[in-house]
N, C-alpha and C. Protein backbone atom coordinates (compact mmCIF):
# COMPACT_ATOMS: atom_id res chain seq x y z
N MET A 1 0.84 -1.20 0.00
CA MET A 1 0.00 0.00 0.00
C MET A 1 0.88 1.26 0.00
N LYS A 2 0.44 2.27 -0.73
CA LYS A 2 1.16 3.54 -0.76
C LYS A 2 0.92 4.31 0.54
N HIS A 3 1.89 5.11 0.92
CA HIS A 3 1.79 5.88 2.17
C HIS A 3 1.70 7.37 1.85
N LEU A 4 0.84 8.04 2.61
CA LEU A 4 0.63 9.48 2.47
C LEU A 4 0.75 10.12 3.84
N VAL A 5 1.61 11.12 3.95
CA VAL A 5 1.83 11.84 5.20
C VAL A 5 1.26 13.24 5.05
N CYS A 6 0.39 13.65 5.97
CA CYS A 6 -0.23 14.97 5.95
C CYS A 6 0.19 15.74 7.20
N LEU A 7 0.79 16.90 7.01
CA LEU A 7 1.30 17.71 8.11
C LEU A 7 0.42 18.94 8.31
N HIS A 8 -0.03 19.13 9.53
CA HIS A 8 -0.96 20.22 9.83
C HIS A 8 -0.23 21.55 9.98
N ALA A 9 -1.02 22.61 10.10
CA ALA A 9 -0.49 23.97 10.24
C ALA A 9 -0.16 24.27 11.69
N ALA A 10 0.54 25.36 11.93
CA ALA A 10 0.81 25.81 13.29
C ALA A 10 -0.49 26.20 13.98
N GLY A 11 -0.63 25.78 15.22
CA GLY A 11 -1.84 26.08 15.96
C GLY A 11 -3.00 25.18 15.62
N SER A 12 -2.78 24.21 14.75
CA SER A 12 -3.83 23.27 14.33
C SER A 12 -3.53 21.90 14.94
N SER A 13 -4.06 20.85 14.33
CA SER A 13 -3.86 19.50 14.85
C SER A 13 -4.06 18.50 13.72
N PRO A 14 -3.68 17.24 13.93
CA PRO A 14 -3.93 16.22 12.90
C PRO A 14 -5.40 16.07 12.54
N ALA A 15 -6.29 16.46 13.44
CA ALA A 15 -7.73 16.31 13.18
C ALA A 15 -8.19 17.14 11.99
N THR A 16 -7.38 18.13 11.60
CA THR A 16 -7.76 18.97 10.46
C THR A 16 -7.85 18.16 9.16
N TRP A 17 -7.23 16.96 9.14
CA TRP A 17 -7.26 16.12 7.94
C TRP A 17 -8.37 15.07 7.98
N ASP A 18 -9.07 14.95 9.11
CA ASP A 18 -10.02 13.85 9.28
C ASP A 18 -11.09 13.81 8.21
N HIS A 19 -11.63 14.97 7.82
CA HIS A 19 -12.73 14.98 6.86
C HIS A 19 -12.27 14.64 5.44
N LEU A 20 -10.95 14.65 5.22
CA LEU A 20 -10.41 14.32 3.90
C LEU A 20 -9.91 12.88 3.82
N LYS A 21 -9.73 12.24 4.97
CA LYS A 21 -9.14 10.90 4.99
C LYS A 21 -9.89 9.88 4.12
N PRO A 22 -11.23 9.81 4.18
CA PRO A 22 -11.91 8.80 3.36
C PRO A 22 -11.57 8.92 1.87
N ALA A 23 -11.53 10.15 1.36
CA ALA A 23 -11.21 10.34 -0.05
C ALA A 23 -9.76 9.96 -0.34
N LEU A 24 -8.86 10.27 0.58
CA LEU A 24 -7.45 9.95 0.38
C LEU A 24 -7.20 8.45 0.48
N VAL A 25 -7.89 7.80 1.40
CA VAL A 25 -7.81 6.34 1.48
C VAL A 25 -8.37 5.72 0.21
N GLY A 26 -9.42 6.33 -0.34
CA GLY A 26 -10.01 5.84 -1.59
C GLY A 26 -9.07 5.90 -2.77
N LEU A 27 -8.02 6.72 -2.66
CA LEU A 27 -7.01 6.79 -3.71
C LEU A 27 -5.95 5.70 -3.56
N GLY A 28 -6.11 4.88 -2.52
CA GLY A 28 -5.18 3.77 -2.31
C GLY A 28 -4.06 4.05 -1.34
N TYR A 29 -4.24 5.04 -0.49
CA TYR A 29 -3.20 5.42 0.45
C TYR A 29 -3.51 4.97 1.88
N ARG A 30 -2.46 4.65 2.60
CA ARG A 30 -2.52 4.60 4.06
C ARG A 30 -2.11 5.99 4.53
N VAL A 31 -2.99 6.66 5.27
CA VAL A 31 -2.78 8.07 5.61
C VAL A 31 -2.20 8.20 7.02
N HIS A 32 -1.10 8.94 7.12
CA HIS A 32 -0.46 9.22 8.39
C HIS A 32 -0.59 10.71 8.69
N THR A 33 -1.00 11.05 9.90
CA THR A 33 -1.17 12.46 10.28
C THR A 33 -0.43 12.72 11.59
N PRO A 34 0.89 12.84 11.56
CA PRO A 34 1.65 13.06 12.79
C PRO A 34 1.35 14.41 13.42
N THR A 35 1.52 14.48 14.73
CA THR A 35 1.37 15.74 15.46
C THR A 35 2.71 16.45 15.50
N LEU A 36 2.74 17.68 15.07
CA LEU A 36 3.99 18.44 15.06
C LEU A 36 4.41 18.85 16.47
N LEU A 37 5.69 19.06 16.65
CA LEU A 37 6.24 19.48 17.93
C LEU A 37 5.47 20.67 18.50
N GLY A 38 5.29 20.66 19.83
CA GLY A 38 4.65 21.79 20.49
C GLY A 38 3.15 21.81 20.39
N HIS A 39 2.56 20.79 19.77
CA HIS A 39 1.11 20.71 19.59
C HIS A 39 0.55 19.48 20.32
N GLY A 40 -0.65 19.62 20.87
CA GLY A 40 -1.34 18.48 21.47
C GLY A 40 -0.46 17.72 22.44
N SER A 41 -0.35 16.42 22.22
CA SER A 41 0.43 15.56 23.12
C SER A 41 1.90 15.43 22.70
N ALA A 42 2.28 16.09 21.61
CA ALA A 42 3.67 16.03 21.16
C ALA A 42 4.57 16.79 22.14
N GLU A 43 5.85 16.50 22.04
CA GLU A 43 6.84 17.10 22.94
C GLU A 43 6.83 18.62 22.88
N ARG A 44 6.93 19.24 24.06
CA ARG A 44 7.10 20.69 24.16
C ARG A 44 8.52 20.98 24.61
N ARG A 45 9.14 21.99 24.01
CA ARG A 45 10.53 22.30 24.26
C ARG A 45 10.70 23.77 24.61
N THR A 46 11.90 24.11 25.03
CA THR A 46 12.19 25.52 25.25
C THR A 46 12.56 26.21 23.94
N ALA A 47 13.07 25.44 22.97
CA ALA A 47 13.46 26.00 21.68
C ALA A 47 12.88 25.14 20.56
N TYR A 48 12.44 25.80 19.47
CA TYR A 48 11.81 25.12 18.35
C TYR A 48 12.48 25.52 17.02
N PRO A 49 13.72 25.09 16.79
CA PRO A 49 14.30 25.34 15.46
C PRO A 49 13.50 24.60 14.41
N LEU A 50 13.38 25.18 13.23
CA LEU A 50 12.51 24.60 12.21
C LEU A 50 12.96 23.20 11.80
N ASP A 51 14.26 22.96 11.78
CA ASP A 51 14.75 21.63 11.42
C ASP A 51 14.27 20.55 12.39
N ALA A 52 14.01 20.94 13.64
CA ALA A 52 13.56 19.96 14.64
C ALA A 52 12.19 19.38 14.28
N PHE A 53 11.35 20.16 13.61
CA PHE A 53 10.04 19.65 13.20
C PHE A 53 10.22 18.54 12.17
N ALA A 54 11.15 18.73 11.24
CA ALA A 54 11.43 17.69 10.24
C ALA A 54 12.02 16.45 10.90
N ASP A 55 12.94 16.64 11.84
CA ASP A 55 13.52 15.51 12.57
C ASP A 55 12.43 14.68 13.23
N HIS A 56 11.50 15.36 13.86
CA HIS A 56 10.42 14.70 14.61
C HIS A 56 9.54 13.86 13.68
N VAL A 57 9.20 14.39 12.52
CA VAL A 57 8.36 13.66 11.58
C VAL A 57 9.10 12.45 11.02
N LEU A 58 10.36 12.64 10.64
CA LEU A 58 11.13 11.55 10.03
C LEU A 58 11.35 10.39 11.00
N LYS A 59 11.35 10.66 12.28
CA LYS A 59 11.48 9.57 13.27
C LYS A 59 10.25 8.68 13.28
N GLU A 60 9.11 9.21 12.84
CA GLU A 60 7.85 8.47 12.89
C GLU A 60 7.52 7.75 11.60
N ILE A 61 8.14 8.13 10.48
CA ILE A 61 7.75 7.62 9.17
C ILE A 61 8.92 6.90 8.51
N ASP A 62 8.67 5.68 8.04
CA ASP A 62 9.69 4.90 7.33
C ASP A 62 9.34 4.81 5.84
N GLY A 63 10.34 4.46 5.03
CA GLY A 63 10.10 4.16 3.62
C GLY A 63 9.76 5.36 2.78
N ARG A 64 9.14 5.10 1.62
CA ARG A 64 8.75 6.14 0.67
C ARG A 64 7.33 6.60 0.96
N PHE A 65 7.02 7.84 0.61
CA PHE A 65 5.68 8.36 0.86
C PHE A 65 5.44 9.61 0.03
N THR A 66 4.16 9.88 -0.18
CA THR A 66 3.73 11.17 -0.71
C THR A 66 3.51 12.09 0.47
N LEU A 67 3.85 13.36 0.30
CA LEU A 67 3.88 14.28 1.44
C LEU A 67 3.04 15.52 1.14
N ILE A 68 2.13 15.83 2.07
CA ILE A 68 1.28 17.02 1.97
C ILE A 68 1.48 17.84 3.23
N GLY A 69 1.64 19.14 3.08
CA GLY A 69 1.77 20.01 4.24
C GLY A 69 0.99 21.29 4.06
N ALA A 70 0.44 21.80 5.15
CA ALA A 70 -0.30 23.06 5.13
C ALA A 70 0.42 24.07 6.01
N SER A 71 0.70 25.25 5.47
CA SER A 71 1.32 26.34 6.21
C SER A 71 2.64 25.89 6.85
N LEU A 72 2.75 25.90 8.18
CA LEU A 72 3.98 25.40 8.81
C LEU A 72 4.28 23.99 8.32
N GLY A 73 3.24 23.16 8.21
CA GLY A 73 3.44 21.80 7.71
C GLY A 73 4.03 21.77 6.31
N ALA A 74 3.68 22.76 5.49
CA ALA A 74 4.25 22.84 4.15
C ALA A 74 5.73 23.17 4.21
N PHE A 75 6.09 24.08 5.11
CA PHE A 75 7.51 24.41 5.22
C PHE A 75 8.30 23.21 5.74
N VAL A 76 7.76 22.53 6.73
CA VAL A 76 8.41 21.32 7.24
C VAL A 76 8.54 20.28 6.12
N ALA A 77 7.52 20.18 5.29
CA ALA A 77 7.55 19.23 4.16
C ALA A 77 8.71 19.55 3.21
N THR A 78 8.98 20.85 2.99
CA THR A 78 10.11 21.19 2.11
C THR A 78 11.43 20.77 2.73
N LEU A 79 11.55 20.92 4.05
CA LEU A 79 12.78 20.51 4.73
C LEU A 79 12.99 19.00 4.60
N ILE A 80 11.91 18.24 4.75
CA ILE A 80 11.98 16.78 4.62
C ILE A 80 12.35 16.40 3.19
N ALA A 81 11.71 17.05 2.21
CA ALA A 81 11.98 16.73 0.80
C ALA A 81 13.39 17.12 0.39
N GLN A 82 13.93 18.18 0.98
CA GLN A 82 15.32 18.55 0.72
C GLN A 82 16.28 17.53 1.30
N ARG A 83 15.94 17.03 2.48
CA ARG A 83 16.82 16.10 3.19
C ARG A 83 16.74 14.68 2.64
N GLU A 84 15.54 14.26 2.24
CA GLU A 84 15.31 12.88 1.80
C GLU A 84 14.60 12.85 0.45
N PRO A 85 15.20 13.43 -0.59
CA PRO A 85 14.49 13.54 -1.88
C PRO A 85 14.11 12.19 -2.48
N ASP A 86 14.87 11.16 -2.25
CA ASP A 86 14.59 9.84 -2.84
C ASP A 86 13.43 9.13 -2.17
N ARG A 87 12.97 9.65 -1.05
CA ARG A 87 11.86 9.01 -0.33
C ARG A 87 10.50 9.63 -0.65
N ILE A 88 10.50 10.75 -1.35
CA ILE A 88 9.26 11.48 -1.60
C ILE A 88 8.75 11.21 -3.01
N ASP A 89 7.54 10.66 -3.13
CA ASP A 89 6.96 10.38 -4.43
C ASP A 89 6.31 11.63 -5.04
N ARG A 90 5.50 12.31 -4.25
CA ARG A 90 4.83 13.54 -4.69
C ARG A 90 4.79 14.50 -3.51
N LEU A 91 4.72 15.79 -3.79
CA LEU A 91 4.77 16.81 -2.75
C LEU A 91 3.68 17.85 -3.00
N VAL A 92 2.86 18.10 -1.99
CA VAL A 92 1.82 19.12 -2.08
C VAL A 92 2.07 20.15 -0.98
N LEU A 93 2.25 21.40 -1.37
CA LEU A 93 2.56 22.48 -0.44
C LEU A 93 1.40 23.48 -0.44
N GLU A 94 0.59 23.42 0.59
CA GLU A 94 -0.58 24.30 0.70
C GLU A 94 -0.23 25.55 1.50
N GLU A 95 -0.33 26.70 0.86
CA GLU A 95 -0.08 27.99 1.52
C GLU A 95 1.26 27.98 2.27
N LEU A 96 2.31 27.67 1.52
CA LEU A 96 3.67 27.65 2.06
C LEU A 96 4.11 29.05 2.46
N PRO A 97 4.54 29.26 3.71
CA PRO A 97 5.12 30.56 4.07
C PRO A 97 6.53 30.64 3.49
N VAL A 98 6.70 31.45 2.47
CA VAL A 98 7.96 31.51 1.74
C VAL A 98 8.89 32.51 2.42
N PRO A 99 10.01 32.06 2.98
CA PRO A 99 10.89 32.97 3.72
C PRO A 99 11.68 33.88 2.80
N ARG A 100 12.28 34.89 3.40
CA ARG A 100 13.18 35.76 2.66
C ARG A 100 14.39 34.98 2.16
N ARG A 101 14.89 35.39 1.01
CA ARG A 101 16.16 34.85 0.52
C ARG A 101 17.31 35.68 1.09
N THR A 102 17.12 37.01 1.14
CA THR A 102 18.09 37.94 1.74
C THR A 102 17.32 38.93 2.60
N SER A 103 18.03 39.75 3.33
CA SER A 103 17.38 40.74 4.19
C SER A 103 16.63 41.80 3.40
N ASP A 104 16.94 41.93 2.11
CA ASP A 104 16.24 42.91 1.25
C ASP A 104 14.96 42.35 0.66
N ASP A 105 14.73 41.06 0.84
CA ASP A 105 13.58 40.40 0.24
C ASP A 105 12.31 40.69 1.04
N ASP A 106 11.16 40.42 0.44
CA ASP A 106 9.89 40.61 1.13
C ASP A 106 9.64 39.48 2.12
N PRO A 107 8.89 39.75 3.19
CA PRO A 107 8.55 38.71 4.16
C PRO A 107 7.44 37.81 3.63
N PRO A 108 7.18 36.68 4.29
CA PRO A 108 6.12 35.77 3.83
C PRO A 108 4.73 36.41 3.80
N SER A 109 4.45 37.25 4.80
CA SER A 109 3.12 37.86 4.88
C SER A 109 3.16 39.29 4.39
N ASN A 110 2.11 39.69 3.66
CA ASN A 110 2.05 41.05 3.14
C ASN A 110 0.93 41.86 3.80
N LYS A 111 0.42 41.38 4.93
CA LYS A 111 -0.66 42.08 5.61
C LYS A 111 -0.23 42.47 7.01
N ARG A 112 -0.50 43.71 7.37
CA ARG A 112 -0.13 44.21 8.68
C ARG A 112 -0.97 43.55 9.78
N GLY A 113 -0.34 43.41 10.95
CA GLY A 113 -1.08 42.88 12.09
C GLY A 113 -1.12 41.38 12.19
N THR A 114 -0.56 40.67 11.20
CA THR A 114 -0.61 39.21 11.22
C THR A 114 0.10 38.66 12.45
N GLY A 115 1.26 39.22 12.77
CA GLY A 115 2.01 38.75 13.93
C GLY A 115 1.23 38.90 15.21
N LEU A 116 0.54 40.04 15.37
CA LEU A 116 -0.25 40.26 16.58
C LEU A 116 -1.40 39.27 16.69
N VAL A 117 -2.03 38.97 15.57
CA VAL A 117 -3.13 38.00 15.55
C VAL A 117 -2.63 36.62 15.97
N LEU A 118 -1.47 36.22 15.45
CA LEU A 118 -0.92 34.91 15.78
C LEU A 118 -0.53 34.83 17.25
N ARG A 119 0.03 35.91 17.80
CA ARG A 119 0.39 35.90 19.21
C ARG A 119 -0.84 35.80 20.09
N ALA A 120 -1.89 36.52 19.73
CA ALA A 120 -3.14 36.44 20.49
C ALA A 120 -3.72 35.04 20.42
N MET A 121 -3.65 34.42 19.26
CA MET A 121 -4.14 33.05 19.09
C MET A 121 -3.37 32.11 20.01
N GLY A 122 -2.05 32.34 20.14
CA GLY A 122 -1.24 31.50 21.01
C GLY A 122 -1.66 31.59 22.45
N LEU A 123 -1.94 32.80 22.92
CA LEU A 123 -2.35 32.98 24.31
C LEU A 123 -3.71 32.36 24.59
N LEU A 124 -4.62 32.46 23.63
CA LEU A 124 -5.97 31.95 23.82
C LEU A 124 -6.05 30.42 23.70
N ASN A 125 -5.06 29.82 23.07
CA ASN A 125 -5.12 28.38 22.81
C ASN A 125 -3.93 27.63 23.40
N ARG A 126 -3.40 28.12 24.51
CA ARG A 126 -2.19 27.54 25.06
C ARG A 126 -2.38 26.10 25.52
N GLY A 127 -3.61 25.68 25.74
CA GLY A 127 -3.86 24.28 26.10
C GLY A 127 -3.68 23.35 24.91
N ARG A 128 -3.90 23.87 23.70
CA ARG A 128 -3.80 23.06 22.48
C ARG A 128 -2.39 23.04 21.91
N PHE A 129 -1.63 24.11 22.16
CA PHE A 129 -0.25 24.16 21.66
C PHE A 129 0.54 25.15 22.50
N ASP A 130 1.85 25.08 22.36
CA ASP A 130 2.76 25.92 23.13
C ASP A 130 2.85 27.31 22.49
N PRO A 131 2.41 28.37 23.18
CA PRO A 131 2.50 29.72 22.58
C PRO A 131 3.93 30.11 22.22
N ALA A 132 4.91 29.62 23.00
CA ALA A 132 6.32 29.92 22.69
C ALA A 132 6.71 29.36 21.34
N MET A 133 6.17 28.19 21.00
CA MET A 133 6.43 27.59 19.69
C MET A 133 5.95 28.50 18.59
N LEU A 134 4.74 29.02 18.73
CA LEU A 134 4.18 29.87 17.68
C LEU A 134 5.00 31.14 17.50
N ARG A 135 5.39 31.76 18.61
CA ARG A 135 6.21 32.97 18.53
C ARG A 135 7.53 32.69 17.83
N GLN A 136 8.14 31.56 18.17
CA GLN A 136 9.45 31.25 17.61
C GLN A 136 9.39 30.95 16.11
N ILE A 137 8.38 30.19 15.68
CA ILE A 137 8.36 29.85 14.26
C ILE A 137 8.01 31.06 13.40
N VAL A 138 7.17 31.96 13.91
CA VAL A 138 6.88 33.20 13.17
C VAL A 138 8.17 34.00 12.99
N ALA A 139 8.95 34.11 14.07
CA ALA A 139 10.21 34.83 14.00
C ALA A 139 11.19 34.14 13.04
N GLU A 140 11.27 32.82 13.11
CA GLU A 140 12.19 32.08 12.26
C GLU A 140 11.83 32.21 10.78
N LEU A 141 10.54 32.18 10.48
CA LEU A 141 10.11 32.24 9.09
C LEU A 141 10.26 33.64 8.49
N HIS A 142 10.49 34.63 9.34
CA HIS A 142 10.72 35.98 8.83
C HIS A 142 12.21 36.30 8.68
N LYS A 143 13.07 35.37 9.05
CA LYS A 143 14.50 35.57 8.87
C LYS A 143 14.91 35.17 7.45
N PRO A 144 15.94 35.77 6.89
CA PRO A 144 16.48 35.30 5.60
C PRO A 144 16.96 33.86 5.74
N ARG A 145 16.62 33.03 4.76
CA ARG A 145 17.03 31.63 4.79
C ARG A 145 17.65 31.25 3.44
N PRO A 146 18.85 31.79 3.14
CA PRO A 146 19.47 31.51 1.84
C PRO A 146 19.78 30.04 1.63
N GLN A 147 20.09 29.30 2.68
CA GLN A 147 20.40 27.88 2.53
C GLN A 147 19.16 27.10 2.09
N TRP A 148 18.00 27.49 2.60
CA TRP A 148 16.74 26.83 2.20
C TRP A 148 16.51 27.05 0.70
N TRP A 149 16.71 28.28 0.25
CA TRP A 149 16.53 28.60 -1.17
C TRP A 149 17.52 27.81 -2.02
N ALA A 150 18.77 27.72 -1.55
CA ALA A 150 19.80 27.02 -2.32
C ALA A 150 19.49 25.53 -2.44
N ALA A 151 18.78 24.98 -1.45
CA ALA A 151 18.49 23.55 -1.45
C ALA A 151 17.21 23.19 -2.19
N LEU A 152 16.42 24.15 -2.61
CA LEU A 152 15.16 23.85 -3.29
C LEU A 152 15.35 22.97 -4.53
N PRO A 153 16.37 23.20 -5.37
CA PRO A 153 16.52 22.36 -6.57
C PRO A 153 16.82 20.90 -6.27
N THR A 154 17.17 20.58 -5.02
CA THR A 154 17.41 19.17 -4.67
C THR A 154 16.10 18.40 -4.52
N ILE A 155 14.97 19.10 -4.46
CA ILE A 155 13.67 18.43 -4.38
C ILE A 155 13.31 17.93 -5.77
N THR A 156 13.29 16.64 -5.93
CA THR A 156 13.06 16.04 -7.25
C THR A 156 11.62 15.58 -7.47
N ALA A 157 10.84 15.48 -6.41
CA ALA A 157 9.46 15.00 -6.54
C ALA A 157 8.60 16.03 -7.27
N PRO A 158 7.69 15.58 -8.13
CA PRO A 158 6.70 16.51 -8.70
C PRO A 158 5.99 17.24 -7.56
N THR A 159 5.85 18.54 -7.71
CA THR A 159 5.35 19.37 -6.60
C THR A 159 4.18 20.24 -7.04
N LEU A 160 3.14 20.25 -6.22
CA LEU A 160 1.98 21.11 -6.43
C LEU A 160 1.94 22.14 -5.31
N LEU A 161 2.03 23.42 -5.69
CA LEU A 161 1.90 24.49 -4.71
C LEU A 161 0.48 25.04 -4.78
N LEU A 162 -0.21 25.03 -3.65
CA LEU A 162 -1.58 25.53 -3.59
C LEU A 162 -1.59 26.90 -2.92
N ALA A 163 -2.14 27.88 -3.63
CA ALA A 163 -2.23 29.25 -3.13
C ALA A 163 -3.68 29.55 -2.75
N GLY A 164 -3.84 30.28 -1.64
CA GLY A 164 -5.19 30.55 -1.13
C GLY A 164 -5.86 31.78 -1.71
N GLY A 165 -5.13 32.54 -2.50
CA GLY A 165 -5.76 33.69 -3.17
C GLY A 165 -5.77 34.96 -2.35
N THR A 166 -6.63 35.87 -2.74
CA THR A 166 -6.59 37.25 -2.26
C THR A 166 -6.90 37.39 -0.78
N THR A 167 -7.63 36.47 -0.16
CA THR A 167 -7.96 36.61 1.26
C THR A 167 -6.93 35.98 2.18
N SER A 168 -5.92 35.36 1.62
CA SER A 168 -4.84 34.81 2.44
C SER A 168 -3.96 35.95 2.96
N HIS A 169 -3.38 35.74 4.15
CA HIS A 169 -2.46 36.74 4.69
C HIS A 169 -1.06 36.62 4.09
N LEU A 170 -0.80 35.54 3.34
CA LEU A 170 0.51 35.35 2.74
C LEU A 170 0.62 36.09 1.40
N ASP A 171 1.84 36.51 1.09
CA ASP A 171 2.12 37.16 -0.19
C ASP A 171 2.06 36.10 -1.29
N GLN A 172 1.02 36.15 -2.10
CA GLN A 172 0.78 35.13 -3.12
C GLN A 172 1.81 35.15 -4.25
N SER A 173 2.47 36.26 -4.45
CA SER A 173 3.44 36.35 -5.54
C SER A 173 4.69 35.51 -5.26
N ARG A 174 4.89 35.12 -4.03
CA ARG A 174 6.12 34.41 -3.67
C ARG A 174 6.09 32.94 -4.06
N PHE A 175 4.90 32.38 -4.30
CA PHE A 175 4.83 30.97 -4.70
C PHE A 175 5.49 30.74 -6.06
N ALA A 176 5.34 31.68 -6.95
CA ALA A 176 5.95 31.55 -8.27
C ALA A 176 7.47 31.57 -8.18
N LEU A 177 8.01 32.29 -7.20
CA LEU A 177 9.45 32.33 -7.00
C LEU A 177 9.98 30.95 -6.59
N VAL A 178 9.20 30.28 -5.75
CA VAL A 178 9.58 28.92 -5.33
C VAL A 178 9.48 27.96 -6.51
N ALA A 179 8.41 28.07 -7.28
CA ALA A 179 8.20 27.17 -8.42
C ALA A 179 9.35 27.25 -9.42
N LYS A 180 9.94 28.44 -9.57
CA LYS A 180 11.07 28.59 -10.49
C LYS A 180 12.28 27.78 -10.07
N GLU A 181 12.38 27.50 -8.76
CA GLU A 181 13.54 26.78 -8.24
C GLU A 181 13.34 25.27 -8.21
N LEU A 182 12.11 24.82 -8.39
CA LEU A 182 11.81 23.39 -8.31
C LEU A 182 11.78 22.78 -9.71
N PRO A 183 12.41 21.64 -9.90
CA PRO A 183 12.50 21.04 -11.23
C PRO A 183 11.16 20.68 -11.86
N ALA A 184 10.19 20.26 -11.03
CA ALA A 184 8.89 19.82 -11.58
C ALA A 184 7.79 20.31 -10.66
N SER A 185 7.29 21.51 -10.94
CA SER A 185 6.29 22.08 -10.05
C SER A 185 5.27 22.91 -10.80
N THR A 186 4.13 23.11 -10.14
CA THR A 186 3.08 23.97 -10.69
C THR A 186 2.38 24.66 -9.54
N VAL A 187 1.82 25.83 -9.81
CA VAL A 187 1.09 26.59 -8.80
C VAL A 187 -0.39 26.64 -9.20
N THR A 188 -1.25 26.29 -8.25
CA THR A 188 -2.69 26.35 -8.47
C THR A 188 -3.32 27.22 -7.38
N THR A 189 -4.14 28.18 -7.78
CA THR A 189 -4.81 29.05 -6.82
C THR A 189 -6.24 28.59 -6.59
N ILE A 190 -6.60 28.46 -5.32
CA ILE A 190 -7.96 28.15 -4.90
C ILE A 190 -8.40 29.30 -3.99
N GLU A 191 -9.31 30.10 -4.43
CA GLU A 191 -9.71 31.29 -3.67
C GLU A 191 -10.50 30.88 -2.42
N ALA A 192 -9.74 30.57 -1.37
CA ALA A 192 -10.37 30.12 -0.13
C ALA A 192 -9.67 30.66 1.11
N GLY A 193 -8.64 31.48 0.91
CA GLY A 193 -7.88 31.96 2.05
C GLY A 193 -6.80 30.98 2.46
N HIS A 194 -6.26 31.18 3.65
CA HIS A 194 -5.09 30.43 4.08
C HIS A 194 -5.40 28.96 4.37
N ARG A 195 -6.57 28.66 4.87
CA ARG A 195 -6.92 27.29 5.27
C ARG A 195 -7.71 26.61 4.15
N ILE A 196 -7.05 26.32 3.06
CA ILE A 196 -7.76 25.83 1.88
C ILE A 196 -8.46 24.51 2.14
N HIS A 197 -7.76 23.52 2.67
CA HIS A 197 -8.35 22.19 2.81
C HIS A 197 -9.48 22.16 3.84
N SER A 198 -9.50 23.14 4.73
CA SER A 198 -10.59 23.22 5.70
C SER A 198 -11.78 24.01 5.17
N LYS A 199 -11.48 25.10 4.48
CA LYS A 199 -12.54 25.98 3.99
C LYS A 199 -13.16 25.52 2.67
N ALA A 200 -12.36 24.86 1.84
CA ALA A 200 -12.84 24.44 0.51
C ALA A 200 -12.38 23.01 0.23
N PRO A 201 -12.85 22.04 1.02
CA PRO A 201 -12.36 20.67 0.85
C PRO A 201 -12.65 20.05 -0.51
N ASP A 202 -13.79 20.36 -1.08
CA ASP A 202 -14.12 19.79 -2.39
C ASP A 202 -13.19 20.31 -3.48
N ARG A 203 -12.92 21.61 -3.45
CA ARG A 203 -12.00 22.18 -4.45
C ARG A 203 -10.57 21.72 -4.19
N TRP A 204 -10.22 21.55 -2.92
CA TRP A 204 -8.89 21.04 -2.57
C TRP A 204 -8.71 19.63 -3.14
N LEU A 205 -9.71 18.78 -2.92
CA LEU A 205 -9.63 17.41 -3.44
C LEU A 205 -9.60 17.38 -4.97
N ALA A 206 -10.35 18.29 -5.59
CA ALA A 206 -10.38 18.33 -7.05
C ALA A 206 -9.00 18.67 -7.62
N ALA A 207 -8.22 19.46 -6.89
CA ALA A 207 -6.88 19.81 -7.35
C ALA A 207 -5.86 18.75 -6.96
N VAL A 208 -6.00 18.19 -5.76
CA VAL A 208 -4.97 17.30 -5.23
C VAL A 208 -5.14 15.86 -5.70
N SER A 209 -6.37 15.38 -5.79
CA SER A 209 -6.60 13.96 -6.12
C SER A 209 -5.96 13.54 -7.44
N PRO A 210 -6.15 14.27 -8.53
CA PRO A 210 -5.49 13.85 -9.79
C PRO A 210 -3.97 13.91 -9.68
N PHE A 211 -3.46 14.81 -8.88
CA PHE A 211 -2.02 14.98 -8.76
C PHE A 211 -1.37 13.82 -8.01
N ILE A 212 -2.00 13.37 -6.93
CA ILE A 212 -1.39 12.31 -6.14
C ILE A 212 -1.97 10.93 -6.49
N GLY A 213 -3.06 10.92 -7.25
CA GLY A 213 -3.72 9.65 -7.54
C GLY A 213 -3.13 8.92 -8.72
């Protein structure tokens, strides 16, 4: 049986994939939905370097698999695909927060107040996830990451980048910059905002099912 790994967003949980599992299983996959560090029952730490999220997932998954990630999960998915390109059959990146290449580059988000909203969300939901984790990953994703950009061409799996459109807080123009660095990729926009698979599951499946099926 083929294996499919779905990585949730920051402040979310594996349950975000539950309503899609029947359709994904119907495509012939065994679906794995690991809990990311700092969320739910997963380990909480004093420091959350982004590479640690990839380490945590790779400890739980063996062999080859198709990989889907949303938001933070999408960024973690790129780290995994860079590190283990021969293990990834297909890659779906939903609303990837695209970091700066240099300090002169634009940040992932193009809307003011996003950081304040995320911090407030962390305080209100501290039982579901570690607020320190959320603060740290937001800060990390706003730093220049030239090594991440340099490693993008090592991702050999066919890649589908899903953009949420005009209501997303992320800068939509940055997905095309990533696609230029990937050997086999395409960008598809689904006007549903940042949480595409939650807000528009039917349209998400219509885009993803032919790609991974």
